[in-house]
Each structure stands twice: as C-alpha cells, then as structure tokens.
C-alpha cells in the first residue's frame, strides 16, 4: 500500500477523534422546556434565546384571520353560485 504504517495510524486516530466529538453534546445549546408555544408563520420552535412569547401588537394574528376569512368567503360564494346547477 502507498501509505506508511505511521500515516495509517494517524488517520485512524484522527477518525476516532472526529467520531468522539460528533457523538458528544458539548456544543449543543439547551432546548426550551416550557409549555408548547402557539404556532408561528415560520414554524420556529423556541430555543434558549427565545421563549416563544409574542410581544407584538397582534397585527400578524389579525392579518392571518382576515386572510382566512376572505378565502372562506370566496369558497362559500362559489358554492352558493353553483348550488342550483
């Protein structure tokens, strides 16, 4: 083989170190352990830097409700227009 015994041993040792570091949770950030949050438009789960509390003025919530109402109104309007066909 083209690799010497020493190089093979060094590569083997480096692979073992890499495997050990990937299995340990040293660099993992703590997970949120509180109650389940309300869903958000990005699907982001709370983490150690965000507690999932919505500190906005409620605009996004109102906007989503209005969009859903508008869509359901159009659907009802269509069903009403083709009901007698």
Protein backbone atom coordinates (compact mmCIF):
# COMPACT_ATOMS: atom_id res chain seq x y z
CA UNK A 1 0.00 0.00 0.00
CA UNK A 2 1.19 3.55 -0.63
CA UNK A 3 0.56 4.80 2.94
CA UNK A 4 3.10 4.03 5.61
CA UNK A 5 2.15 2.44 8.92
CA UNK A 6 2.53 5.75 10.80
CA UNK A 7 0.26 7.62 8.39
CA UNK A 8 -2.37 4.89 8.66
CA UNK A 9 -2.27 5.10 12.46
CA UNK A 10 -2.55 8.90 12.38
CA UNK A 11 -5.55 8.71 10.05
CA UNK A 12 -7.15 6.06 12.24
CA UNK A 13 -6.63 8.21 15.35
CA UNK A 14 -8.00 11.32 13.62
CA UNK A 15 -11.12 9.39 12.56
CA UNK A 16 -11.64 8.18 16.15
CA UNK A 17 -11.33 11.75 17.48
CA UNK A 18 -13.79 13.01 14.91
CA UNK A 19 -16.27 10.27 15.79
CA UNK A 20 -15.96 11.02 19.52
CA UNK A 21 -16.50 14.75 19.02
CA UNK A 22 -19.57 14.16 16.85
CA UNK A 23 -21.20 11.91 19.45
CA UNK A 24 -20.69 14.21 22.43
CA UNK A 25 -23.14 17.02 23.16
CA UNK A 26 -20.61 19.57 24.31
CA UNK A 27 -21.53 22.20 21.73
CA UNK A 28 -25.29 21.59 21.87
CA UNK A 29 -27.39 24.50 23.00
CA UNK A 30 -30.03 23.95 25.68
CA UNK A 31 -33.57 23.26 24.47
CA UNK A 32 -36.72 25.07 25.55
CA UNK A 33 -38.58 23.10 28.21
CA UNK A 34 -41.65 25.29 28.77
CA UNK A 35 -45.24 24.80 27.59
CA UNK A 36 -45.98 24.33 23.89
CA UNK A 37 -45.97 27.67 22.07
CA UNK A 38 -48.58 28.98 19.69
CA UNK A 39 -47.67 28.27 16.07
CA UNK A 40 -45.87 31.00 14.19
CA UNK A 41 -45.64 31.64 10.47
CA UNK A 42 -42.04 30.43 10.27
CA UNK A 43 -42.50 27.22 12.25
CA UNK A 44 -39.69 28.14 14.61
CA UNK A 45 -39.59 26.22 17.85
CA UNK A 46 -38.48 28.15 20.95
CA UNK A 47 -34.89 27.79 21.97
CA UNK A 48 -32.60 29.04 24.65
CA UNK A 49 -32.67 32.59 23.27
CA UNK A 50 -36.39 32.89 22.53
CA UNK A 51 -39.20 31.88 24.87
CA UNK A 52 -41.96 31.90 22.19
CA UNK A 53 -43.80 34.80 23.74
CA UNK A 54 -45.40 37.03 21.11
CA UNK A 55 -44.55 40.57 22.10
CA UNK A 56 -46.14 42.18 19.05
CA UNK A 57 -49.28 44.25 18.79
CA UNK A 58 -51.38 41.44 17.27
CA UNK A 59 -51.22 42.71 13.68
CA UNK A 60 -49.97 39.43 12.22
CA UNK A 61 -52.66 37.43 14.02
CA UNK A 62 -55.38 39.78 12.75
CA UNK A 63 -53.95 39.66 9.22
CA UNK A 64 -53.96 35.85 9.14
CA UNK A 65 -57.55 35.73 10.44
CA UNK A 66 -58.65 38.23 7.79
CA UNK A 67 -56.91 36.27 5.01
CA UNK A 68 -58.58 33.04 6.15
CA UNK A 69 -62.00 34.73 6.34
CA UNK A 70 -61.56 36.16 2.86
CA UNK A 71 -60.64 32.75 1.44
CA UNK A 72 -63.57 31.02 3.11
CA UNK A 73 -65.95 33.78 1.92
CA UNK A 74 -64.83 33.24 -1.68
CA UNK A 75 -65.34 29.50 -1.30
CA UNK A 76 -68.84 29.99 0.17
CA UNK A 77 -69.67 32.48 -2.58
CA UNK A 78 -68.62 29.96 -5.26
CA UNK A 79 -70.61 27.15 -3.65
CA UNK A 80 -73.69 29.38 -3.46
CA UNK A 81 -73.36 30.38 -7.13
CA UNK A 82 -73.19 26.76 -8.37
CA UNK A 83 -75.67 25.29 -5.88
CA UNK A 84 -78.57 25.25 -8.32
CA UNK A 85 -76.68 23.67 -11.21
